[in-house]
Amino acid sequence: MNSTSGQVSTPPSAKGYSSSPGITVIRWTARVLGVLIAGFFLFMFIGESSQRHDWGSLLHLNPVDVVLLAMMGLYCIGMVIAVFRERTGSLLSLGALGVFFLLLGLRTAFQHGLRAAFTSSPRGVLNPFLLMFWLPVILYLVCVIAEARKPATA
């Protein structure tokens, strides 16, 4: 209890600040990577959508492709939210990536076979470029779990 105001003081870990330099480095690495990946995806989306297209063909998109794009959009939104609220943003991005990889794997398995779905081919879910999207989510979750396990100091 704070003697001057009569209020209970909140420990630094509950405010979102960490005294551990390792957690701080992981957190900032996740923030930088998440914003860079989300920005890159947004840049590519704007570039692809601003080119001249046959607009009639865009109206006949495959429903799976629409869901895949929506999941990547949710991933990007989650990465921006994670800068301010780690748990909420990382869980949103985790769910979006999970659905994205599940649908991508199923679509590739049906179109090109099971072997192509689980290899590092451009269509497979083990493509290193696609696996890079998991890195900030995992780093954010490491921070959330480490802060939850850290004993509260009185």
N, C-alpha and C. Protein backbone atom coordinates (compact mmCIF):
# COMPACT_ATOMS: atom_id res chain seq x y z
N MET A 1 0.84 -1.17 0.00
CA MET A 1 0.00 0.00 0.00
C MET A 1 0.89 1.23 0.00
N ASN A 2 0.55 2.20 -0.78
CA ASN A 2 1.30 3.42 -0.88
C ASN A 2 0.89 4.33 0.26
N SER A 3 1.84 4.78 1.05
CA SER A 3 1.53 5.53 2.26
C SER A 3 1.00 6.93 1.96
N THR A 4 1.32 7.51 0.83
CA THR A 4 0.89 8.88 0.56
C THR A 4 -0.50 8.95 -0.04
N SER A 5 -0.89 7.99 -0.85
CA SER A 5 -2.19 8.10 -1.51
C SER A 5 -3.20 7.08 -1.00
N GLY A 6 -2.77 6.06 -0.28
CA GLY A 6 -3.69 5.06 0.21
C GLY A 6 -4.07 4.04 -0.85
N GLN A 7 -3.38 4.02 -1.97
CA GLN A 7 -3.67 3.07 -3.03
C GLN A 7 -2.61 1.98 -3.05
N VAL A 8 -3.01 0.84 -3.55
CA VAL A 8 -2.10 -0.28 -3.68
C VAL A 8 -1.23 -0.03 -4.91
N SER A 9 0.09 -0.12 -4.73
CA SER A 9 0.97 0.09 -5.87
C SER A 9 1.05 -1.18 -6.71
N THR A 10 1.12 -1.01 -8.00
CA THR A 10 1.17 -2.13 -8.94
C THR A 10 2.63 -2.46 -9.21
N PRO A 11 3.01 -3.75 -9.12
CA PRO A 11 4.39 -4.10 -9.43
C PRO A 11 4.71 -3.84 -10.90
N PRO A 12 5.98 -3.59 -11.22
CA PRO A 12 6.34 -3.27 -12.61
C PRO A 12 5.94 -4.35 -13.60
N SER A 13 5.96 -5.64 -13.20
CA SER A 13 5.61 -6.70 -14.15
C SER A 13 4.14 -6.65 -14.53
N ALA A 14 3.27 -6.18 -13.65
CA ALA A 14 1.85 -6.10 -13.96
C ALA A 14 1.55 -4.93 -14.89
N LYS A 15 2.40 -3.92 -14.91
CA LYS A 15 2.20 -2.78 -15.80
C LYS A 15 2.69 -3.05 -17.21
N GLY A 16 3.36 -4.17 -17.44
CA GLY A 16 3.87 -4.49 -18.75
C GLY A 16 5.35 -4.19 -18.90
N TYR A 17 5.98 -3.69 -17.85
CA TYR A 17 7.40 -3.40 -17.89
C TYR A 17 8.16 -4.57 -17.27
N SER A 18 9.25 -4.92 -17.85
CA SER A 18 10.02 -6.05 -17.37
C SER A 18 11.36 -5.57 -16.86
N SER A 19 11.78 -6.14 -15.76
CA SER A 19 13.10 -5.79 -15.26
C SER A 19 14.17 -6.68 -15.87
N SER A 20 13.76 -7.75 -16.54
CA SER A 20 14.71 -8.66 -17.16
C SER A 20 15.14 -8.13 -18.53
N PRO A 21 16.44 -7.95 -18.73
CA PRO A 21 16.89 -7.45 -20.04
C PRO A 21 16.66 -8.47 -21.16
N GLY A 22 16.66 -9.76 -20.85
CA GLY A 22 16.42 -10.78 -21.87
C GLY A 22 15.02 -10.69 -22.43
N ILE A 23 14.03 -10.50 -21.56
CA ILE A 23 12.65 -10.38 -22.01
C ILE A 23 12.48 -9.09 -22.82
N THR A 24 13.15 -8.03 -22.42
CA THR A 24 13.07 -6.77 -23.15
C THR A 24 13.63 -6.92 -24.57
N VAL A 25 14.75 -7.63 -24.70
CA VAL A 25 15.34 -7.85 -26.03
C VAL A 25 14.41 -8.69 -26.89
N ILE A 26 13.83 -9.74 -26.33
CA ILE A 26 12.90 -10.60 -27.08
C ILE A 26 11.68 -9.80 -27.49
N ARG A 27 11.16 -8.98 -26.58
CA ARG A 27 9.97 -8.18 -26.87
C ARG A 27 10.22 -7.20 -28.02
N TRP A 28 11.35 -6.49 -27.97
CA TRP A 28 11.63 -5.52 -29.02
C TRP A 28 11.97 -6.19 -30.35
N THR A 29 12.58 -7.36 -30.29
CA THR A 29 12.82 -8.12 -31.52
C THR A 29 11.49 -8.52 -32.15
N ALA A 30 10.55 -8.98 -31.33
CA ALA A 30 9.23 -9.36 -31.83
C ALA A 30 8.50 -8.15 -32.40
N ARG A 31 8.60 -7.02 -31.73
CA ARG A 31 7.93 -5.81 -32.22
C ARG A 31 8.48 -5.38 -33.57
N VAL A 32 9.79 -5.32 -33.69
CA VAL A 32 10.41 -4.88 -34.94
C VAL A 32 10.07 -5.86 -36.07
N LEU A 33 10.23 -7.16 -35.81
CA LEU A 33 9.92 -8.15 -36.85
C LEU A 33 8.45 -8.13 -37.23
N GLY A 34 7.57 -8.03 -36.25
CA GLY A 34 6.14 -8.02 -36.53
C GLY A 34 5.72 -6.82 -37.37
N VAL A 35 6.23 -5.65 -37.03
CA VAL A 35 5.88 -4.46 -37.80
C VAL A 35 6.50 -4.52 -39.19
N LEU A 36 7.73 -5.01 -39.31
CA LEU A 36 8.36 -5.14 -40.62
C LEU A 36 7.61 -6.12 -41.52
N ILE A 37 7.22 -7.26 -40.98
CA ILE A 37 6.50 -8.26 -41.77
C ILE A 37 5.12 -7.74 -42.16
N ALA A 38 4.41 -7.12 -41.22
CA ALA A 38 3.09 -6.57 -41.53
C ALA A 38 3.20 -5.44 -42.55
N GLY A 39 4.21 -4.60 -42.40
CA GLY A 39 4.41 -3.52 -43.37
C GLY A 39 4.77 -4.04 -44.75
N PHE A 40 5.61 -5.08 -44.79
CA PHE A 40 5.97 -5.68 -46.07
C PHE A 40 4.75 -6.28 -46.76
N PHE A 41 3.92 -6.98 -45.99
CA PHE A 41 2.71 -7.56 -46.57
C PHE A 41 1.79 -6.48 -47.08
N LEU A 42 1.63 -5.40 -46.31
CA LEU A 42 0.78 -4.29 -46.74
C LEU A 42 1.34 -3.65 -48.01
N PHE A 43 2.65 -3.46 -48.06
CA PHE A 43 3.31 -2.89 -49.23
C PHE A 43 3.05 -3.76 -50.47
N MET A 44 3.21 -5.07 -50.32
CA MET A 44 2.98 -5.97 -51.44
C MET A 44 1.51 -5.99 -51.85
N PHE A 45 0.61 -5.95 -50.89
CA PHE A 45 -0.82 -5.95 -51.19
C PHE A 45 -1.21 -4.69 -51.96
N ILE A 46 -0.71 -3.53 -51.53
CA ILE A 46 -1.01 -2.28 -52.22
C ILE A 46 -0.42 -2.30 -53.63
N GLY A 47 0.81 -2.79 -53.76
CA GLY A 47 1.44 -2.85 -55.07
C GLY A 47 0.71 -3.76 -56.03
N GLU A 48 0.29 -4.91 -55.55
CA GLU A 48 -0.43 -5.84 -56.42
C GLU A 48 -1.83 -5.35 -56.77
N SER A 49 -2.49 -4.70 -55.83
CA SER A 49 -3.86 -4.26 -56.10
C SER A 49 -3.91 -2.96 -56.91
N SER A 50 -2.80 -2.23 -56.99
CA SER A 50 -2.82 -0.98 -57.76
C SER A 50 -2.49 -1.18 -59.23
N GLN A 51 -2.06 -2.36 -59.61
CA GLN A 51 -1.76 -2.63 -61.01
C GLN A 51 -3.05 -2.77 -61.80
N ARG A 52 -2.92 -2.60 -63.10
CA ARG A 52 -4.09 -2.76 -63.97
C ARG A 52 -4.47 -4.24 -64.02
N HIS A 53 -5.71 -4.51 -63.72
CA HIS A 53 -6.22 -5.87 -63.75
C HIS A 53 -7.52 -5.88 -64.53
N ASP A 54 -7.87 -7.05 -64.95
CA ASP A 54 -9.20 -7.25 -65.50
C ASP A 54 -10.15 -7.38 -64.31
N TRP A 55 -10.88 -6.33 -64.01
CA TRP A 55 -11.68 -6.29 -62.79
C TRP A 55 -12.75 -7.36 -62.77
N GLY A 56 -13.17 -7.84 -63.92
CA GLY A 56 -14.15 -8.92 -63.95
C GLY A 56 -13.59 -10.20 -63.38
N SER A 57 -12.28 -10.44 -63.60
CA SER A 57 -11.68 -11.66 -63.07
C SER A 57 -11.49 -11.59 -61.56
N LEU A 58 -11.38 -10.39 -61.02
CA LEU A 58 -11.22 -10.26 -59.57
C LEU A 58 -12.51 -10.60 -58.83
N LEU A 59 -13.64 -10.43 -59.51
CA LEU A 59 -14.91 -10.74 -58.86
C LEU A 59 -15.14 -12.24 -58.75
N HIS A 60 -14.36 -13.02 -59.47
CA HIS A 60 -14.53 -14.47 -59.45
C HIS A 60 -13.37 -15.13 -58.71
N LEU A 61 -12.98 -14.55 -57.58
CA LEU A 61 -11.90 -15.13 -56.79
C LEU A 61 -12.34 -16.45 -56.17
N ASN A 62 -11.39 -17.32 -56.01
CA ASN A 62 -11.62 -18.58 -55.32
C ASN A 62 -11.93 -18.27 -53.85
N PRO A 63 -12.96 -18.84 -53.26
CA PRO A 63 -13.28 -18.56 -51.85
C PRO A 63 -12.14 -18.90 -50.90
N VAL A 64 -11.36 -19.92 -51.21
CA VAL A 64 -10.23 -20.26 -50.34
C VAL A 64 -9.18 -19.15 -50.38
N ASP A 65 -8.95 -18.58 -51.55
CA ASP A 65 -7.99 -17.48 -51.66
C ASP A 65 -8.45 -16.25 -50.89
N VAL A 66 -9.75 -16.00 -50.90
CA VAL A 66 -10.30 -14.87 -50.15
C VAL A 66 -10.07 -15.08 -48.65
N VAL A 67 -10.30 -16.30 -48.17
CA VAL A 67 -10.09 -16.60 -46.75
C VAL A 67 -8.60 -16.50 -46.41
N LEU A 68 -7.73 -16.98 -47.30
CA LEU A 68 -6.29 -16.89 -47.06
C LEU A 68 -5.84 -15.43 -46.96
N LEU A 69 -6.34 -14.58 -47.85
CA LEU A 69 -6.01 -13.16 -47.78
C LEU A 69 -6.57 -12.51 -46.51
N ALA A 70 -7.77 -12.91 -46.12
CA ALA A 70 -8.36 -12.38 -44.89
C ALA A 70 -7.55 -12.79 -43.67
N MET A 71 -7.06 -14.03 -43.67
CA MET A 71 -6.24 -14.49 -42.54
C MET A 71 -4.92 -13.72 -42.47
N MET A 72 -4.32 -13.42 -43.62
CA MET A 72 -3.09 -12.63 -43.61
C MET A 72 -3.38 -11.20 -43.17
N GLY A 73 -4.55 -10.69 -43.53
CA GLY A 73 -4.94 -9.37 -43.04
C GLY A 73 -5.12 -9.36 -41.53
N LEU A 74 -5.75 -10.41 -40.99
CA LEU A 74 -5.89 -10.52 -39.53
C LEU A 74 -4.54 -10.67 -38.85
N TYR A 75 -3.63 -11.39 -39.51
CA TYR A 75 -2.28 -11.52 -38.97
C TYR A 75 -1.63 -10.15 -38.84
N CYS A 76 -1.73 -9.35 -39.89
CA CYS A 76 -1.12 -8.02 -39.86
C CYS A 76 -1.76 -7.13 -38.79
N ILE A 77 -3.08 -7.20 -38.67
CA ILE A 77 -3.76 -6.44 -37.63
C ILE A 77 -3.30 -6.91 -36.25
N GLY A 78 -3.15 -8.22 -36.08
CA GLY A 78 -2.68 -8.76 -34.81
C GLY A 78 -1.27 -8.31 -34.47
N MET A 79 -0.41 -8.20 -35.48
CA MET A 79 0.96 -7.73 -35.23
C MET A 79 0.98 -6.28 -34.79
N VAL A 80 0.09 -5.47 -35.34
CA VAL A 80 0.02 -4.07 -34.91
C VAL A 80 -0.57 -3.98 -33.50
N ILE A 81 -1.58 -4.77 -33.21
CA ILE A 81 -2.16 -4.79 -31.86
C ILE A 81 -1.14 -5.29 -30.85
N ALA A 82 -0.30 -6.25 -31.24
CA ALA A 82 0.67 -6.84 -30.32
C ALA A 82 1.72 -5.83 -29.85
N VAL A 83 1.92 -4.77 -30.59
CA VAL A 83 2.86 -3.74 -30.14
C VAL A 83 2.35 -3.12 -28.84
N PHE A 84 1.04 -2.99 -28.71
CA PHE A 84 0.46 -2.36 -27.53
C PHE A 84 -0.08 -3.38 -26.52
N ARG A 85 -0.67 -4.45 -27.00
CA ARG A 85 -1.22 -5.51 -26.15
C ARG A 85 -0.70 -6.84 -26.65
N GLU A 86 0.37 -7.30 -26.03
CA GLU A 86 1.08 -8.49 -26.52
C GLU A 86 0.19 -9.72 -26.60
N ARG A 87 -0.51 -10.01 -25.53
CA ARG A 87 -1.29 -11.24 -25.48
C ARG A 87 -2.40 -11.24 -26.52
N THR A 88 -3.16 -10.16 -26.60
CA THR A 88 -4.27 -10.09 -27.54
C THR A 88 -3.78 -10.18 -28.98
N GLY A 89 -2.78 -9.40 -29.31
CA GLY A 89 -2.26 -9.38 -30.68
C GLY A 89 -1.62 -10.69 -31.09
N SER A 90 -0.84 -11.28 -30.17
CA SER A 90 -0.18 -12.54 -30.52
C SER A 90 -1.17 -13.68 -30.65
N LEU A 91 -2.21 -13.70 -29.85
CA LEU A 91 -3.23 -14.75 -29.97
C LEU A 91 -4.05 -14.58 -31.24
N LEU A 92 -4.35 -13.33 -31.62
CA LEU A 92 -5.06 -13.09 -32.87
C LEU A 92 -4.20 -13.54 -34.06
N SER A 93 -2.92 -13.19 -34.02
CA SER A 93 -2.01 -13.59 -35.10
C SER A 93 -1.80 -15.10 -35.12
N LEU A 94 -1.73 -15.71 -33.95
CA LEU A 94 -1.58 -17.16 -33.87
C LEU A 94 -2.76 -17.89 -34.50
N GLY A 95 -3.97 -17.44 -34.18
CA GLY A 95 -5.16 -18.05 -34.77
C GLY A 95 -5.24 -17.84 -36.27
N ALA A 96 -4.92 -16.63 -36.71
CA ALA A 96 -4.97 -16.34 -38.15
C ALA A 96 -3.93 -17.18 -38.90
N LEU A 97 -2.72 -17.29 -38.36
CA LEU A 97 -1.70 -18.10 -39.02
C LEU A 97 -2.06 -19.58 -39.00
N GLY A 98 -2.66 -20.03 -37.91
CA GLY A 98 -3.08 -21.43 -37.84
C GLY A 98 -4.08 -21.78 -38.93
N VAL A 99 -5.10 -20.93 -39.09
CA VAL A 99 -6.09 -21.16 -40.14
C VAL A 99 -5.45 -21.04 -41.51
N PHE A 100 -4.57 -20.05 -41.69
CA PHE A 100 -3.89 -19.86 -42.97
C PHE A 100 -3.10 -21.10 -43.36
N PHE A 101 -2.28 -21.61 -42.45
CA PHE A 101 -1.45 -22.77 -42.76
C PHE A 101 -2.29 -24.03 -42.94
N LEU A 102 -3.36 -24.17 -42.19
CA LEU A 102 -4.24 -25.32 -42.35
C LEU A 102 -4.89 -25.32 -43.74
N LEU A 103 -5.45 -24.18 -44.12
CA LEU A 103 -6.09 -24.10 -45.44
C LEU A 103 -5.07 -24.24 -46.57
N LEU A 104 -3.91 -23.63 -46.40
CA LEU A 104 -2.87 -23.73 -47.43
C LEU A 104 -2.41 -25.18 -47.58
N GLY A 105 -2.21 -25.87 -46.47
CA GLY A 105 -1.80 -27.27 -46.52
C GLY A 105 -2.85 -28.16 -47.15
N LEU A 106 -4.12 -27.95 -46.78
CA LEU A 106 -5.20 -28.75 -47.35
C LEU A 106 -5.36 -28.50 -48.84
N ARG A 107 -5.30 -27.23 -49.24
CA ARG A 107 -5.44 -26.92 -50.67
C ARG A 107 -4.29 -27.51 -51.48
N THR A 108 -3.08 -27.39 -50.96
CA THR A 108 -1.93 -27.95 -51.68
C THR A 108 -2.00 -29.47 -51.71
N ALA A 109 -2.44 -30.08 -50.63
CA ALA A 109 -2.56 -31.54 -50.61
C ALA A 109 -3.58 -32.04 -51.63
N PHE A 110 -4.69 -31.33 -51.76
CA PHE A 110 -5.71 -31.75 -52.73
C PHE A 110 -5.27 -31.50 -54.16
N GLN A 111 -4.53 -30.41 -54.39
CA GLN A 111 -4.16 -30.07 -55.77
C GLN A 111 -2.88 -30.76 -56.23
N HIS A 112 -1.89 -30.89 -55.33
CA HIS A 112 -0.57 -31.36 -55.76
C HIS A 112 -0.08 -32.58 -54.98
N GLY A 113 -0.86 -33.09 -54.08
CA GLY A 113 -0.48 -34.26 -53.32
C GLY A 113 0.04 -33.91 -51.93
N LEU A 114 0.03 -34.91 -51.09
CA LEU A 114 0.42 -34.73 -49.70
C LEU A 114 1.90 -34.38 -49.55
N ARG A 115 2.72 -34.94 -50.41
CA ARG A 115 4.16 -34.66 -50.32
C ARG A 115 4.46 -33.19 -50.60
N ALA A 116 3.78 -32.62 -51.59
CA ALA A 116 4.00 -31.20 -51.92
C ALA A 116 3.50 -30.28 -50.82
N ALA A 117 2.50 -30.73 -50.07
CA ALA A 117 1.94 -29.88 -49.02
C ALA A 117 2.88 -29.71 -47.84
N PHE A 118 3.68 -30.73 -47.56
CA PHE A 118 4.53 -30.68 -46.37
C PHE A 118 6.01 -30.67 -46.70
N THR A 119 6.35 -30.03 -47.80
CA THR A 119 7.76 -29.83 -48.16
C THR A 119 8.05 -28.34 -48.19
N SER A 120 9.29 -28.02 -48.49
CA SER A 120 9.66 -26.61 -48.54
C SER A 120 9.49 -26.05 -49.94
N SER A 121 8.70 -26.71 -50.77
CA SER A 121 8.43 -26.20 -52.11
C SER A 121 7.67 -24.88 -52.00
N PRO A 122 7.60 -24.11 -53.07
CA PRO A 122 6.88 -22.83 -52.99
C PRO A 122 5.41 -22.99 -52.59
N ARG A 123 4.83 -24.14 -52.85
CA ARG A 123 3.42 -24.35 -52.49
C ARG A 123 3.27 -24.95 -51.09
N GLY A 124 4.33 -25.49 -50.52
CA GLY A 124 4.23 -26.20 -49.25
C GLY A 124 4.20 -25.30 -48.04
N VAL A 125 3.73 -25.84 -46.93
CA VAL A 125 3.64 -25.06 -45.70
C VAL A 125 4.99 -24.92 -45.00
N LEU A 126 5.99 -25.67 -45.43
CA LEU A 126 7.32 -25.55 -44.84
C LEU A 126 8.22 -24.62 -45.65
N ASN A 127 7.63 -23.79 -46.45
CA ASN A 127 8.36 -22.78 -47.20
C ASN A 127 9.01 -21.81 -46.19
N PRO A 128 10.32 -21.59 -46.26
CA PRO A 128 10.98 -20.71 -45.28
C PRO A 128 10.40 -19.30 -45.23
N PHE A 129 9.96 -18.78 -46.36
CA PHE A 129 9.36 -17.46 -46.37
C PHE A 129 8.08 -17.44 -45.54
N LEU A 130 7.27 -18.49 -45.67
CA LEU A 130 6.03 -18.55 -44.90
C LEU A 130 6.29 -18.84 -43.42
N LEU A 131 7.32 -19.63 -43.14
CA LEU A 131 7.64 -19.93 -41.74
C LEU A 131 8.14 -18.69 -41.00
N MET A 132 8.66 -17.71 -41.73
CA MET A 132 9.13 -16.47 -41.12
C MET A 132 8.00 -15.73 -40.41
N PHE A 133 6.76 -15.92 -40.86
CA PHE A 133 5.63 -15.25 -40.24
C PHE A 133 5.39 -15.72 -38.80
N TRP A 134 5.85 -16.93 -38.47
CA TRP A 134 5.66 -17.46 -37.12
C TRP A 134 6.61 -16.83 -36.10
N LEU A 135 7.75 -16.32 -36.54
CA LEU A 135 8.78 -15.87 -35.60
C LEU A 135 8.30 -14.79 -34.63
N PRO A 136 7.69 -13.68 -35.08
CA PRO A 136 7.25 -12.69 -34.10
C PRO A 136 6.17 -13.22 -33.16
N VAL A 137 5.30 -14.08 -33.67
CA VAL A 137 4.24 -14.63 -32.82
C VAL A 137 4.86 -15.47 -31.70
N ILE A 138 5.82 -16.30 -32.06
CA ILE A 138 6.48 -17.14 -31.05
C ILE A 138 7.23 -16.28 -30.04
N LEU A 139 7.91 -15.24 -30.51
CA LEU A 139 8.64 -14.37 -29.59
C LEU A 139 7.70 -13.64 -28.64
N TYR A 140 6.58 -13.16 -29.16
CA TYR A 140 5.59 -12.52 -28.28
C TYR A 140 5.05 -13.50 -27.24
N LEU A 141 4.76 -14.73 -27.66
CA LEU A 141 4.24 -15.71 -26.71
C LEU A 141 5.29 -16.09 -25.67
N VAL A 142 6.57 -16.11 -26.06
CA VAL A 142 7.63 -16.36 -25.08
C VAL A 142 7.63 -15.26 -24.03
N CYS A 143 7.46 -14.00 -24.45
CA CYS A 143 7.41 -12.88 -23.50
C CYS A 143 6.21 -13.00 -22.57
N VAL A 144 5.06 -13.33 -23.13
CA VAL A 144 3.84 -13.45 -22.32
C VAL A 144 4.00 -14.56 -21.29
N ILE A 145 4.51 -15.70 -21.71
CA ILE A 145 4.68 -16.84 -20.79
C ILE A 145 5.75 -16.54 -19.75
N ALA A 146 6.85 -15.92 -20.16
CA ALA A 146 7.92 -15.60 -19.21
C ALA A 146 7.45 -14.59 -18.17
N GLU A 147 6.67 -13.62 -18.56
CA GLU A 147 6.17 -12.64 -17.60
C GLU A 147 5.13 -13.25 -16.67
N ALA A 148 4.36 -14.21 -17.17
CA ALA A 148 3.37 -14.85 -16.32
C ALA A 148 4.03 -15.76 -15.28
N ARG A 149 5.17 -16.34 -15.63
CA ARG A 149 5.86 -17.25 -14.71
C ARG A 149 6.75 -16.51 -13.72
N LYS A 150 7.08 -15.25 -14.03
CA LYS A 150 7.98 -14.50 -13.16
C LYS A 150 7.27 -14.21 -11.84
N PRO A 151 7.91 -14.51 -10.71
CA PRO A 151 7.27 -14.25 -9.43
C PRO A 151 7.09 -12.75 -9.19
N ALA A 152 5.97 -12.40 -8.64
CA ALA A 152 5.69 -10.99 -8.35
C ALA A 152 6.55 -10.51 -7.20
N THR A 153 7.15 -9.35 -7.35
CA THR A 153 7.97 -8.78 -6.28
C THR A 153 7.11 -7.80 -5.49
N ALA A 154 7.23 -7.88 -4.19
CA ALA A 154 6.41 -7.02 -3.34
C ALA A 154 7.10 -5.73 -3.02
